[in-house]
Amino acid sequence: MKRILHLEYAQPTGRLAPHFEALDRGDALARRCAGCGHVAFPPSLTCGRCGARDGAWVALSGQATLMQRSDTPDAAYALVRFDGAGNAATVRLKNPEITTQRGALLPSDNEAGLWLELEEPRNDD
């Protein structure tokens, strides 16, 4: 038997508020560790490499390269690395019919998660 569960909740943003505000605008705001310089997107308040808690916000272009992709009957997801970031992120693909390996971050549009729009293939005739 299949059941569908819908959850509606508010997640407090706290010290990550700048990141979520940037996402609402379609911008990528990462966190650069003050200890080792690692740039994380999505950001974390504790560096995944050295454990430092101090850091600064840094703007990224929002462009990303696909590392892995998983298509389901209802949606497509990808593991991507945003340009300028040292870690990977999971995104949902806005236009899964496109098969290119590059894309750009989209504004949240009241949808949970990170959304990426894949670039149209170039015709280099």
PDB file of N, CA and C in Angstrom:
ATOM      1  N   MET A   1       0.845  -1.167   0.000  1.00  0.00           N
ATOM      2  CA  MET A   1       0.000   0.000   0.000  1.00  0.00           C
ATOM      3  C   MET A   1       0.897   1.239   0.000  1.00  0.00           C
ATOM      4  N   LYS A   2       0.576   2.167  -0.852  1.00  0.00           N
ATOM      5  CA  LYS A   2       1.335   3.397  -0.962  1.00  0.00           C
ATOM      6  C   LYS A   2       0.630   4.511  -0.206  1.00  0.00           C
ATOM      7  N   ARG A   3       1.401   5.240   0.602  1.00  0.00           N
ATOM      8  CA  ARG A   3       0.851   6.372   1.351  1.00  0.00           C
ATOM      9  C   ARG A   3       1.710   7.600   1.053  1.00  0.00           C
ATOM     10  N   ILE A   4       1.081   8.738   0.987  1.00  0.00           N
ATOM     11  CA  ILE A   4       1.786   9.995   0.749  1.00  0.00           C
ATOM     12  C   ILE A   4       1.695  10.841   2.010  1.00  0.00           C
ATOM     13  N   LEU A   5       2.812  11.330   2.451  1.00  0.00           N
ATOM     14  CA  LEU A   5       2.887  12.157   3.648  1.00  0.00           C
ATOM     15  C   LEU A   5       3.396  13.536   3.250  1.00  0.00           C
ATOM     16  N   HIS A   6       2.648  14.552   3.560  1.00  0.00           N
ATOM     17  CA  HIS A   6       3.044  15.930   3.292  1.00  0.00           C
ATOM     18  C   HIS A   6       3.387  16.599   4.616  1.00  0.00           C
ATOM     19  N   LEU A   7       4.550  17.199   4.678  1.00  0.00           N
ATOM     20  CA  LEU A   7       4.975  17.904   5.885  1.00  0.00           C
ATOM     21  C   LEU A   7       5.130  19.383   5.581  1.00  0.00           C
ATOM     22  N   GLU A   8       4.669  20.191   6.487  1.00  0.00           N
ATOM     23  CA  GLU A   8       4.856  21.627   6.370  1.00  0.00           C
ATOM     24  C   GLU A   8       5.509  22.096   7.661  1.00  0.00           C
ATOM     25  N   TYR A   9       6.674  22.716   7.535  1.00  0.00           N
ATOM     26  CA  TYR A   9       7.387  23.140   8.731  1.00  0.00           C
ATOM     27  C   TYR A   9       8.217  24.375   8.423  1.00  0.00           C
ATOM     28  N   ALA A  10       8.593  25.076   9.465  1.00  0.00           N
ATOM     29  CA  ALA A  10       9.460  26.249   9.347  1.00  0.00           C
ATOM     30  C   ALA A  10      10.793  25.891   9.991  1.00  0.00           C
ATOM     31  N   GLN A  11      11.847  26.062   9.236  1.00  0.00           N
ATOM     32  CA  GLN A  11      13.175  25.758   9.747  1.00  0.00           C
ATOM     33  C   GLN A  11      13.843  27.069  10.150  1.00  0.00           C
ATOM     34  N   PRO A  12      14.246  27.195  11.402  1.00  0.00           N
ATOM     35  CA  PRO A  12      14.940  28.426  11.797  1.00  0.00           C
ATOM     36  C   PRO A  12      16.278  28.528  11.070  1.00  0.00           C
ATOM     37  N   THR A  13      16.591  29.699  10.565  1.00  0.00           N
ATOM     38  CA  THR A  13      17.813  29.862   9.775  1.00  0.00           C
ATOM     39  C   THR A  13      19.003  30.310  10.607  1.00  0.00           C
ATOM     40  N   GLY A  14      18.754  31.011  11.697  1.00  0.00           N
ATOM     41  CA  GLY A  14      19.834  31.426  12.592  1.00  0.00           C
ATOM     42  C   GLY A  14      20.991  32.079  11.870  1.00  0.00           C
ATOM     43  N   ARG A  15      22.204  31.610  12.153  1.00  0.00           N
ATOM     44  CA  ARG A  15      23.413  32.209  11.570  1.00  0.00           C
ATOM     45  C   ARG A  15      23.576  31.895  10.085  1.00  0.00           C
ATOM     46  N   LEU A  16      22.751  30.994   9.550  1.00  0.00           N
ATOM     47  CA  LEU A  16      22.795  30.690   8.114  1.00  0.00           C
ATOM     48  C   LEU A  16      21.799  31.537   7.318  1.00  0.00           C
ATOM     49  N   ALA A  17      21.155  32.499   7.974  1.00  0.00           N
ATOM     50  CA  ALA A  17      20.156  33.339   7.311  1.00  0.00           C
ATOM     51  C   ALA A  17      20.680  33.987   6.025  1.00  0.00           C
ATOM     52  N   PRO A  18      21.910  34.513   5.982  1.00  0.00           N
ATOM     53  CA  PRO A  18      22.387  35.108   4.716  1.00  0.00           C
ATOM     54  C   PRO A  18      22.364  34.116   3.546  1.00  0.00           C
ATOM     55  N   HIS A  19      22.690  32.861   3.820  1.00  0.00           N
ATOM     56  CA  HIS A  19      22.680  31.833   2.776  1.00  0.00           C
ATOM     57  C   HIS A  19      21.265  31.629   2.237  1.00  0.00           C
ATOM     58  N   PHE A  20      20.282  31.487   3.118  1.00  0.00           N
ATOM     59  CA  PHE A  20      18.909  31.253   2.684  1.00  0.00           C
ATOM     60  C   PHE A  20      18.312  32.481   2.003  1.00  0.00           C
ATOM     61  N   GLU A  21      18.662  33.662   2.441  1.00  0.00           N
ATOM     62  CA  GLU A  21      18.205  34.887   1.780  1.00  0.00           C
ATOM     63  C   GLU A  21      18.775  34.973   0.369  1.00  0.00           C
ATOM     64  N   ALA A  22      20.040  34.582   0.214  1.00  0.00           N
ATOM     65  CA  ALA A  22      20.663  34.572  -1.114  1.00  0.00           C
ATOM     66  C   ALA A  22      19.967  33.561  -2.023  1.00  0.00           C
ATOM     67  N   LEU A  23      19.641  32.383  -1.495  1.00  0.00           N
ATOM     68  CA  LEU A  23      18.942  31.373  -2.299  1.00  0.00           C
ATOM     69  C   LEU A  23      17.606  31.895  -2.811  1.00  0.00           C
ATOM     70  N   ASP A  24      16.887  32.634  -1.981  1.00  0.00           N
ATOM     71  CA  ASP A  24      15.608  33.198  -2.408  1.00  0.00           C
ATOM     72  C   ASP A  24      15.773  34.128  -3.609  1.00  0.00           C
ATOM     73  N   ARG A  25      16.948  34.754  -3.730  1.00  0.00           N
ATOM     74  CA  ARG A  25      17.247  35.645  -4.855  1.00  0.00           C
ATOM     75  C   ARG A  25      17.858  34.882  -6.035  1.00  0.00           C
ATOM     76  N   GLY A  26      18.196  33.610  -5.819  1.00  0.00           N
ATOM     77  CA  GLY A  26      18.864  32.836  -6.864  1.00  0.00           C
ATOM     78  C   GLY A  26      20.370  32.988  -6.840  1.00  0.00           C
ATOM     79  N   ASP A  27      20.904  33.489  -5.724  1.00  0.00           N
ATOM     80  CA  ASP A  27      22.348  33.685  -5.583  1.00  0.00           C
ATOM     81  C   ASP A  27      22.953  32.573  -4.728  1.00  0.00           C
ATOM     82  N   ALA A  28      24.206  32.287  -4.983  1.00  0.00           N
ATOM     83  CA  ALA A  28      24.936  31.261  -4.228  1.00  0.00           C
ATOM     84  C   ALA A  28      25.885  31.953  -3.260  1.00  0.00           C
ATOM     85  N   LEU A  29      25.627  31.823  -1.981  1.00  0.00           N
ATOM     86  CA  LEU A  29      26.468  32.399  -0.946  1.00  0.00           C
ATOM     87  C   LEU A  29      27.083  31.259  -0.143  1.00  0.00           C
ATOM     88  N   ALA A  30      28.396  31.145  -0.244  1.00  0.00           N
ATOM     89  CA  ALA A  30      29.127  30.068   0.409  1.00  0.00           C
ATOM     90  C   ALA A  30      29.818  30.598   1.662  1.00  0.00           C
ATOM     91  N   ARG A  31      30.453  29.699   2.392  1.00  0.00           N
ATOM     92  CA  ARG A  31      31.173  30.067   3.624  1.00  0.00           C
ATOM     93  C   ARG A  31      32.623  29.641   3.487  1.00  0.00           C
ATOM     94  N   ARG A  32      33.544  30.609   3.635  1.00  0.00           N
ATOM     95  CA  ARG A  32      34.976  30.335   3.598  1.00  0.00           C
ATOM     96  C   ARG A  32      35.494  30.225   5.026  1.00  0.00           C
ATOM     97  N   CYS A  33      36.124  29.096   5.331  1.00  0.00           N
ATOM     98  CA  CYS A  33      36.655  28.836   6.668  1.00  0.00           C
ATOM     99  C   CYS A  33      37.826  29.762   6.960  1.00  0.00           C
ATOM    100  N   ALA A  34      37.794  30.357   8.145  1.00  0.00           N
ATOM    101  CA  ALA A  34      38.900  31.227   8.568  1.00  0.00           C
ATOM    102  C   ALA A  34      40.127  30.417   8.954  1.00  0.00           C
ATOM    103  N   GLY A  35      39.932  29.125   9.262  1.00  0.00           N
ATOM    104  CA  GLY A  35      41.058  28.285   9.674  1.00  0.00           C
ATOM    105  C   GLY A  35      41.865  27.739   8.520  1.00  0.00           C
ATOM    106  N   CYS A  36      41.178  27.093   7.554  1.00  0.00           N
ATOM    107  CA  CYS A  36      41.897  26.416   6.465  1.00  0.00           C
ATOM    108  C   CYS A  36      41.579  26.972   5.085  1.00  0.00           C
ATOM    109  N   GLY A  37      40.582  27.862   4.977  1.00  0.00           N
ATOM    110  CA  GLY A  37      40.239  28.458   3.694  1.00  0.00           C
ATOM    111  C   GLY A  37      39.275  27.652   2.842  1.00  0.00           C
ATOM    112  N   HIS A  38      38.828  26.503   3.342  1.00  0.00           N
ATOM    113  CA  HIS A  38      37.880  25.669   2.589  1.00  0.00           C
ATOM    114  C   HIS A  38      36.587  26.442   2.347  1.00  0.00           C
ATOM    115  N   VAL A  39      36.097  26.406   1.109  1.00  0.00           N
ATOM    116  CA  VAL A  39      34.848  27.074   0.749  1.00  0.00           C
ATOM    117  C   VAL A  39      33.763  26.018   0.623  1.00  0.00           C
ATOM    118  N   ALA A  40      32.685  26.172   1.401  1.00  0.00           N
ATOM    119  CA  ALA A  40      31.593  25.201   1.427  1.00  0.00           C
ATOM    120  C   ALA A  40      30.308  25.802   0.891  1.00  0.00           C
ATOM    121  N   PHE A  41      29.697  25.092  -0.078  1.00  0.00           N
ATOM    122  CA  PHE A  41      28.367  25.424  -0.567  1.00  0.00           C
ATOM    123  C   PHE A  41      27.641  24.126  -0.825  1.00  0.00           C
ATOM    124  N   PRO A  42      26.523  23.874  -0.148  1.00  0.00           N
ATOM    125  CA  PRO A  42      25.916  24.720   0.862  1.00  0.00           C
ATOM    126  C   PRO A  42      26.830  24.876   2.075  1.00  0.00           C
ATOM    127  N   PRO A  43      26.681  26.011   2.755  1.00  0.00           N
ATOM    128  CA  PRO A  43      27.582  26.307   3.866  1.00  0.00           C
ATOM    129  C   PRO A  43      27.239  25.555   5.144  1.00  0.00           C
ATOM    130  N   SER A  44      28.215  25.515   6.006  1.00  0.00           N
ATOM    131  CA  SER A  44      28.052  24.948   7.339  1.00  0.00           C
ATOM    132  C   SER A  44      28.686  25.915   8.316  1.00  0.00           C
ATOM    133  N   LEU A  45      28.197  25.938   9.538  1.00  0.00           N
ATOM    134  CA  LEU A  45      28.785  26.824  10.545  1.00  0.00           C
ATOM    135  C   LEU A  45      30.058  26.242  11.137  1.00  0.00           C
ATOM    136  N   THR A  46      30.291  24.966  10.918  1.00  0.00           N
ATOM    137  CA  THR A  46      31.531  24.316  11.355  1.00  0.00           C
ATOM    138  C   THR A  46      32.202  23.735  10.121  1.00  0.00           C
ATOM    139  N   CYS A  47      33.468  24.044   9.922  1.00  0.00           N
ATOM    140  CA  CYS A  47      34.197  23.574   8.749  1.00  0.00           C
ATOM    141  C   CYS A  47      34.282  22.048   8.752  1.00  0.00           C
ATOM    142  N   GLY A  48      33.919  21.453   7.640  1.00  0.00           N
ATOM    143  CA  GLY A  48      33.977  20.011   7.497  1.00  0.00           C
ATOM    144  C   GLY A  48      35.390  19.472   7.374  1.00  0.00           C
ATOM    145  N   ARG A  49      36.345  20.335   7.105  1.00  0.00           N
ATOM    146  CA  ARG A  49      37.741  19.899   6.981  1.00  0.00           C
ATOM    147  C   ARG A  49      38.513  20.019   8.281  1.00  0.00           C
ATOM    148  N   CYS A  50      38.442  21.195   8.910  1.00  0.00           N
ATOM    149  CA  CYS A  50      39.293  21.418  10.092  1.00  0.00           C
ATOM    150  C   CYS A  50      38.509  21.623  11.381  1.00  0.00           C
ATOM    151  N   GLY A  51      37.187  21.782  11.292  1.00  0.00           N
ATOM    152  CA  GLY A  51      36.360  21.943  12.478  1.00  0.00           C
ATOM    153  C   GLY A  51      36.265  23.365  13.008  1.00  0.00           C
ATOM    154  N   ALA A  52      36.914  24.322  12.342  1.00  0.00           N
ATOM    155  CA  ALA A  52      36.850  25.718  12.798  1.00  0.00           C
ATOM    156  C   ALA A  52      35.425  26.245  12.680  1.00  0.00           C
ATOM    157  N   ARG A  53      35.081  27.173  13.569  1.00  0.00           N
ATOM    158  CA  ARG A  53      33.733  27.737  13.560  1.00  0.00           C
ATOM    159  C   ARG A  53      33.691  29.158  13.017  1.00  0.00           C
ATOM    160  N   ASP A  54      34.842  29.745  12.754  1.00  0.00           N
ATOM    161  CA  ASP A  54      34.884  31.098  12.210  1.00  0.00           C
ATOM    162  C   ASP A  54      34.984  31.037  10.695  1.00  0.00           C
ATOM    163  N   GLY A  55      34.322  31.987  10.042  1.00  0.00           N
ATOM    164  CA  GLY A  55      34.371  32.025   8.590  1.00  0.00           C
ATOM    165  C   GLY A  55      33.735  33.292   8.076  1.00  0.00           C
ATOM    166  N   ALA A  56      33.785  33.448   6.771  1.00  0.00           N
ATOM    167  CA  ALA A  56      33.231  34.638   6.129  1.00  0.00           C
ATOM    168  C   ALA A  56      32.385  34.201   4.939  1.00  0.00           C
ATOM    169  N   TRP A  57      31.391  35.010   4.625  1.00  0.00           N
ATOM    170  CA  TRP A  57      30.536  34.734   3.482  1.00  0.00           C
ATOM    171  C   TRP A  57      31.256  35.125   2.206  1.00  0.00           C
ATOM    172  N   VAL A  58      31.102  34.311   1.173  1.00  0.00           N
ATOM    173  CA  VAL A  58      31.704  34.586  -0.125  1.00  0.00           C
ATOM    174  C   VAL A  58      30.684  34.249  -1.214  1.00  0.00           C
ATOM    175  N   ALA A  59      30.529  35.156  -2.171  1.00  0.00           N
ATOM    176  CA  ALA A  59      29.573  34.946  -3.262  1.00  0.00           C
ATOM    177  C   ALA A  59      30.192  34.052  -4.330  1.00  0.00           C
ATOM    178  N   LEU A  60      29.394  33.104  -4.818  1.00  0.00           N
ATOM    179  CA  LEU A  60      29.798  32.249  -5.928  1.00  0.00           C
ATOM    180  C   LEU A  60      28.961  32.628  -7.155  1.00  0.00           C
ATOM    181  N   SER A  61      29.390  32.180  -8.315  1.00  0.00           N
ATOM    182  CA  SER A  61      28.667  32.507  -9.554  1.00  0.00           C
ATOM    183  C   SER A  61      27.321  31.792  -9.664  1.00  0.00           C
ATOM    184  N   GLY A  62      27.168  30.668  -8.974  1.00  0.00           N
ATOM    185  CA  GLY A  62      25.945  29.872  -9.101  1.00  0.00           C
ATOM    186  C   GLY A  62      26.037  28.837 -10.205  1.00  0.00           C
ATOM    187  N   GLN A  63      27.148  28.809 -10.933  1.00  0.00           N
ATOM    188  CA  GLN A  63      27.372  27.808 -11.975  1.00  0.00           C
ATOM    189  C   GLN A  63      27.890  26.527 -11.338  1.00  0.00           C
ATOM    190  N   ALA A  64      27.480  25.377 -11.877  1.00  0.00           N
ATOM    191  CA  ALA A  64      27.878  24.100 -11.300  1.00  0.00           C
ATOM    192  C   ALA A  64      28.112  23.059 -12.392  1.00  0.00           C
ATOM    193  N   THR A  65      28.936  22.060 -12.039  1.00  0.00           N
ATOM    194  CA  THR A  65      29.227  20.936 -12.913  1.00  0.00           C
ATOM    195  C   THR A  65      28.652  19.670 -12.297  1.00  0.00           C
ATOM    196  N   LEU A  66      27.935  18.890 -13.103  1.00  0.00           N
ATOM    197  CA  LEU A  66      27.367  17.637 -12.623  1.00  0.00           C
ATOM    198  C   LEU A  66      28.461  16.594 -12.426  1.00  0.00           C
ATOM    199  N   MET A  67      28.407  15.892 -11.315  1.00  0.00           N
ATOM    200  CA  MET A  67      29.334  14.806 -11.021  1.00  0.00           C
ATOM    201  C   MET A  67      28.632  13.457 -11.204  1.00  0.00           C
ATOM    202  N   GLN A  68      27.407  13.373 -10.740  1.00  0.00           N
ATOM    203  CA  GLN A  68      26.569  12.182 -10.862  1.00  0.00           C
ATOM    204  C   GLN A  68      25.131  12.642 -11.060  1.00  0.00           C
ATOM    205  N   ARG A  69      24.358  11.783 -11.697  1.00  0.00           N
ATOM    206  CA  ARG A  69      22.961  12.130 -11.954  1.00  0.00           C
ATOM    207  C   ARG A  69      22.091  10.905 -11.716  1.00  0.00           C
ATOM    208  N   SER A  70      20.891  11.136 -11.172  1.00  0.00           N
ATOM    209  CA  SER A  70      19.941  10.059 -10.931  1.00  0.00           C
ATOM    210  C   SER A  70      18.562  10.515 -11.392  1.00  0.00           C
ATOM    211  N   ASP A  71      18.014   9.803 -12.366  1.00  0.00           N
ATOM    212  CA  ASP A  71      16.696  10.126 -12.892  1.00  0.00           C
ATOM    213  C   ASP A  71      15.681   9.120 -12.374  1.00  0.00           C
ATOM    214  N   THR A  72      14.553   9.604 -11.906  1.00  0.00           N
ATOM    215  CA  THR A  72      13.455   8.758 -11.469  1.00  0.00           C
ATOM    216  C   THR A  72      12.267   9.055 -12.386  1.00  0.00           C
ATOM    217  N   PRO A  73      11.214   8.299 -12.316  1.00  0.00           N
ATOM    218  CA  PRO A  73      10.055   8.609 -13.155  1.00  0.00           C
ATOM    219  C   PRO A  73       9.452   9.994 -12.872  1.00  0.00           C
ATOM    220  N   ASP A  74       9.629  10.482 -11.647  1.00  0.00           N
ATOM    221  CA  ASP A  74       8.997  11.747 -11.267  1.00  0.00           C
ATOM    222  C   ASP A  74       9.925  12.953 -11.219  1.00  0.00           C
ATOM    223  N   ALA A  75      11.229  12.731 -11.137  1.00  0.00           N
ATOM    224  CA  ALA A  75      12.163  13.851 -10.973  1.00  0.00           C
ATOM    225  C   ALA A  75      13.571  13.390 -11.303  1.00  0.00           C
ATOM    226  N   ALA A  76      14.473  14.357 -11.402  1.00  0.00           N
ATOM    227  CA  ALA A  76      15.886  14.061 -11.620  1.00  0.00           C
ATOM    228  C   ALA A  76      16.706  14.856 -10.616  1.00  0.00           C
ATOM    229  N   TYR A  77      17.719  14.195 -10.072  1.00  0.00           N
ATOM    230  CA  TYR A  77      18.589  14.792  -9.064  1.00  0.00           C
ATOM    231  C   TYR A  77      20.030  14.628  -9.511  1.00  0.00           C
ATOM    232  N   ALA A  78      20.902  15.478  -8.983  1.00  0.00           N
ATOM    233  CA  ALA A  78      22.315  15.379  -9.352  1.00  0.00           C
ATOM    234  C   ALA A  78      23.188  15.780  -8.180  1.00  0.00           C
ATOM    235  N   LEU A  79      24.358  15.191  -8.153  1.00  0.00           N
ATOM    236  CA  LEU A  79      25.420  15.608  -7.246  1.00  0.00           C
ATOM    237  C   LEU A  79      26.289  16.544  -8.068  1.00  0.00           C
ATOM    238  N   VAL A  80      26.446  17.776  -7.600  1.00  0.00           N
ATOM    239  CA  VAL A  80      27.159  18.794  -8.370  1.00  0.00           C
ATOM    240  C   VAL A  80      28.215  19.471  -7.507  1.00  0.00           C
ATOM    241  N   ARG A  81      29.162  20.104  -8.183  1.00  0.00           N
ATOM    242  CA  ARG A  81      30.134  20.954  -7.502  1.00  0.00           C
ATOM    243  C   ARG A  81      29.968  22.355  -8.084  1.00  0.00           C
ATOM    244  N   PHE A  82      29.617  23.292  -7.201  1.00  0.00           N
ATOM    245  CA  PHE A  82      29.483  24.677  -7.630  1.00  0.00           C
ATOM    246  C   PHE A  82      30.864  25.286  -7.822  1.00  0.00           C
ATOM    247  N   ASP A  83      31.024  26.070  -8.881  1.00  0.00           N
ATOM    248  CA  ASP A  83      32.307  26.713  -9.165  1.00  0.00           C
ATOM    249  C   ASP A  83      32.745  27.531  -7.962  1.00  0.00           C
ATOM    250  N   GLY A  84      33.948  27.290  -7.487  1.00  0.00           N
ATOM    251  CA  GLY A  84      34.492  28.019  -6.350  1.00  0.00           C
ATOM    252  C   GLY A  84      34.312  27.310  -5.022  1.00  0.00           C
ATOM    253  N   ALA A  85      33.517  26.243  -4.997  1.00  0.00           N
ATOM    254  CA  ALA A  85      33.283  25.497  -3.752  1.00  0.00           C
ATOM    255  C   ALA A  85      34.146  24.243  -3.732  1.00  0.00           C
ATOM    256  N   GLY A  86      34.526  23.813  -2.534  1.00  0.00           N
ATOM    257  CA  GLY A  86      35.364  22.639  -2.376  1.00  0.00           C
ATOM    258  C   GLY A  86      34.596  21.387  -2.004  1.00  0.00           C
ATOM    259  N   ASN A  87      33.284  21.452  -1.981  1.00  0.00           N
ATOM    260  CA  ASN A  87      32.460  20.296  -1.623  1.00  0.00           C
ATOM    261  C   ASN A  87      31.360  20.117  -2.667  1.00  0.00           C
ATOM    262  N   ALA A  88      30.624  19.047  -2.563  1.00  0.00           N
ATOM    263  CA  ALA A  88      29.543  18.769  -3.501  1.00  0.00           C
ATOM    264  C   ALA A  88      28.195  19.032  -2.835  1.00  0.00           C
ATOM    265  N   ALA A  89      27.191  19.219  -3.665  1.00  0.00           N
ATOM    266  CA  ALA A  89      25.829  19.465  -3.186  1.00  0.00           C
ATOM    267  C   ALA A  89      24.855  18.630  -4.016  1.00  0.00           C
ATOM    268  N   THR A  90      23.733  18.273  -3.416  1.00  0.00           N
ATOM    269  CA  THR A  90      22.679  17.575  -4.132  1.00  0.00           C
ATOM    270  C   THR A  90      21.644  18.601  -4.571  1.00  0.00           C
ATOM    271  N   VAL A  91      21.262  18.541  -5.835  1.00  0.00           N
ATOM    272  CA  VAL A  91      20.290  19.476  -6.387  1.00  0.00           C
ATOM    273  C   VAL A  91      19.195  18.700  -7.115  1.00  0.00           C
ATOM    274  N   ARG A  92      18.081  19.352  -7.312  1.00  0.00           N
ATOM    275  CA  ARG A  92      17.035  18.813  -8.180  1.00  0.00           C
ATOM    276  C   ARG A  92      17.156  19.543  -9.515  1.00  0.00           C
ATOM    277  N   LEU A  93      17.018  18.812 -10.598  1.00  0.00           N
ATOM    278  CA  LEU A  93      17.167  19.398 -11.927  1.00  0.00           C
ATOM    279  C   LEU A  93      15.833  19.937 -12.425  1.00  0.00           C
ATOM    280  N   LYS A  94      15.836  21.197 -12.824  1.00  0.00           N
ATOM    281  CA  LYS A  94      14.620  21.863 -13.299  1.00  0.00           C
ATOM    282  C   LYS A  94      14.207  21.347 -14.674  1.00  0.00           C
ATOM    283  N   ASN A  95      15.188  21.061 -15.523  1.00  0.00           N
ATOM    284  CA  ASN A  95      14.914  20.631 -16.887  1.00  0.00           C
ATOM    285  C   ASN A  95      15.646  19.312 -17.178  1.00  0.00           C
ATOM    286  N   PRO A  96      15.148  18.214 -16.626  1.00  0.00           N
ATOM    287  CA  PRO A  96      15.850  16.938 -16.726  1.00  0.00           C
ATOM    288  C   PRO A  96      15.966  16.375 -18.133  1.00  0.00           C
ATOM    289  N   GLU A  97      15.219  16.920 -19.065  1.00  0.00           N
ATOM    290  CA  GLU A  97      15.329  16.435 -20.440  1.00  0.00           C
ATOM    291  C   GLU A  97      16.658  16.837 -21.095  1.00  0.00           C
ATOM    292  N   ILE A  98      17.329  17.835 -20.529  1.00  0.00           N
ATOM    293  CA  ILE A  98      18.636  18.280 -21.020  1.00  0.00           C
ATOM    294  C   ILE A  98      19.703  17.347 -20.446  1.00  0.00           C
ATOM    295  N   THR A  99      20.712  17.026 -21.242  1.00  0.00           N
ATOM    296  CA  THR A  99      21.730  16.069 -20.790  1.00  0.00           C
ATOM    297  C   THR A  99      23.118  16.686 -20.672  1.00  0.00           C
ATOM    298  N   THR A 100      23.228  18.005 -20.669  1.00  0.00           N
ATOM    299  CA  THR A 100      24.538  18.633 -20.516  1.00  0.00           C
ATOM    300  C   THR A 100      25.052  18.461 -19.088  1.00  0.00           C
ATOM    301  N   GLN A 101      26.315  18.767 -18.877  1.00  0.00           N
ATOM    302  CA  GLN A 101      26.959  18.579 -17.583  1.00  0.00           C
ATOM    303  C   GLN A 101      27.133  19.879 -16.798  1.00  0.00           C
ATOM    304  N   ARG A 102      26.581  20.993 -17.281  1.00  0.00           N
ATOM    305  CA  ARG A 102      26.699  22.282 -16.597  1.00  0.00           C
ATOM    306  C   ARG A 102      25.320  22.882 -16.399  1.00  0.00           C
ATOM    307  N   GLY A 103      25.199  23.667 -15.323  1.00  0.00           N
ATOM    308  CA  GLY A 103      23.939  24.320 -15.047  1.00  0.00           C
ATOM    309  C   GLY A 103      24.125  25.487 -14.107  1.00  0.00           C
ATOM    310  N   ALA A 104      23.025  26.171 -13.817  1.00  0.00           N
ATOM    311  CA  ALA A 104      23.048  27.351 -12.958  1.00  0.00           C
ATOM    312  C   ALA A 104      21.968  27.241 -11.890  1.00  0.00           C
ATOM    313  N   LEU A 105      22.284  27.736 -10.710  1.00  0.00           N
ATOM    314  CA  LEU A 105      21.364  27.766  -9.580  1.00  0.00           C
ATOM    315  C   LEU A 105      20.151  28.616  -9.930  1.00  0.00           C
ATOM    316  N   LEU A 106      18.987  28.167  -9.486  1.00  0.00           N
ATOM    317  CA  LEU A 106      17.740  28.910  -9.695  1.00  0.00           C
ATOM    318  C   LEU A 106      17.216  29.442  -8.367  1.00  0.00           C
ATOM    319  N   PRO A 107      16.442  30.547  -8.395  1.00  0.00           N
ATOM    320  CA  PRO A 107      15.778  30.987  -7.159  1.00  0.00           C
ATOM    321  C   PRO A 107      14.886  29.875  -6.636  1.00  0.00           C
ATOM    322  N   SER A 108      14.658  29.851  -5.328  1.00  0.00           N
ATOM    323  CA  SER A 108      13.915  28.756  -4.699  1.00  0.00           C
ATOM    324  C   SER A 108      12.474  28.644  -5.175  1.00  0.00           C
ATOM    325  N   ASP A 109      11.815  29.752  -5.511  1.00  0.00           N
ATOM    326  CA  ASP A 109      10.435  29.729  -6.001  1.00  0.00           C
ATOM    327  C   ASP A 109       9.519  28.938  -5.076  1.00  0.00           C
ATOM    328  N   ASN A 110       9.778  29.059  -3.761  1.00  0.00           N
ATOM    329  CA  ASN A 110       8.997  28.377  -2.719  1.00  0.00           C
ATOM    330  C   ASN A 110       9.071  26.862  -2.783  1.00  0.00           C
ATOM    331  N   GLU A 111      10.062  26.331  -3.469  1.00  0.00           N
ATOM    332  CA  GLU A 111      10.291  24.892  -3.520  1.00  0.00           C
ATOM    333  C   GLU A 111      11.471  24.570  -2.621  1.00  0.00           C
ATOM    334  N   ALA A 112      11.371  23.533  -1.834  1.00  0.00           N
ATOM    335  CA  ALA A 112      12.450  23.151  -0.931  1.00  0.00           C
ATOM    336  C   ALA A 112      13.654  22.651  -1.728  1.00  0.00           C
ATOM    337  N   GLY A 113      14.819  22.862  -1.191  1.00  0.00           N
ATOM    338  CA  GLY A 113      16.040  22.327  -1.782  1.00  0.00           C
ATOM    339  C   GLY A 113      16.699  23.262  -2.771  1.00  0.00           C
ATOM    340  N   LEU A 114      17.799  22.780  -3.322  1.00  0.00           N
ATOM    341  CA  LEU A 114      18.543  23.517  -4.339  1.00  0.00           C
ATOM    342  C   LEU A 114      18.076  23.046  -5.715  1.00  0.00           C
ATOM    343  N   TRP A 115      17.846  23.993  -6.612  1.00  0.00           N
ATOM    344  CA  TRP A 115      17.396  23.696  -7.961  1.00  0.00           C
ATOM    345  C   TRP A 115      18.438  24.176  -8.951  1.00  0.00           C
ATOM    346  N   LEU A 116      18.698  23.358  -9.959  1.00  0.00           N
ATOM    347  CA  LEU A 116      19.678  23.695 -10.988  1.00  0.00           C
ATOM    348  C   LEU A 116      18.995  23.606 -12.344  1.00  0.00           C
ATOM    349  N   GLU A 117      19.212  24.616 -13.174  1.00  0.00           N
ATOM    350  CA  GLU A 117      18.731  24.579 -14.546  1.00  0.00           C
ATOM    351  C   GLU A 117      19.912  24.258 -15.441  1.00  0.00           C
ATOM    352  N   LEU A 118      19.809  23.166 -16.176  1.00  0.00           N
ATOM    353  CA  LEU A 118      20.901  22.735 -17.040  1.00  0.00           C
ATOM    354  C   LEU A 118      21.000  23.628 -18.262  1.00  0.00           C
ATOM    355  N   GLU A 119      22.238  23.828 -18.744  1.00  0.00           N
ATOM    356  CA  GLU A 119      22.479  24.639 -19.936  1.00  0.00           C
ATOM    357  C   GLU A 119      22.014  23.885 -21.170  1.00  0.00           C
ATOM    358  N   GLU A 120      21.482  24.622 -22.117  1.00  0.00           N
ATOM    359  CA  GLU A 120      21.117  24.034 -23.406  1.00  0.00           C
ATOM    360  C   GLU A 120      22.406  23.629 -24.121  1.00  0.00           C
ATOM    361  N   PRO A 121      22.379  22.511 -24.847  1.00  0.00           N
ATOM    362  CA  PRO A 121      23.567  22.136 -25.610  1.00  0.00           C
ATOM    363  C   PRO A 121      23.899  23.195 -26.650  1.00  0.00           C
ATOM    364  N   ARG A 122      25.197  23.426 -26.830  1.00  0.00           N
ATOM    365  CA  ARG A 122      25.634  24.407 -27.826  1.00  0.00           C
ATOM    366  C   ARG A 122      25.768  23.722 -29.170  1.00  0.00           C
ATOM    367  N   ASN A 123      25.381  24.415 -30.203  1.00  0.00           N
ATOM    368  CA  ASN A 123      25.534  23.905 -31.547  1.00  0.00           C
ATOM    369  C   ASN A 123      26.744  24.585 -32.166  1.00  0.00           C
ATOM    370  N   ASP A 124      27.905  23.916 -32.115  1.00  0.00           N
ATOM    371  CA  ASP A 124      29.154  24.499 -32.599  1.00  0.00           C
ATOM    372  C   ASP A 124      29.460  24.049 -34.027  1.00  0.00           C
ATOM    373  N   ASP A 125      28.534  24.344 -34.950  1.00  0.00           N
ATOM    374  CA  ASP A 125      28.755  23.950 -36.354  1.00  0.00           C
ATOM    375  C   ASP A 125      29.738  24.863 -37.014  1.00  0.00           C
TER     376      ASP A 125
END
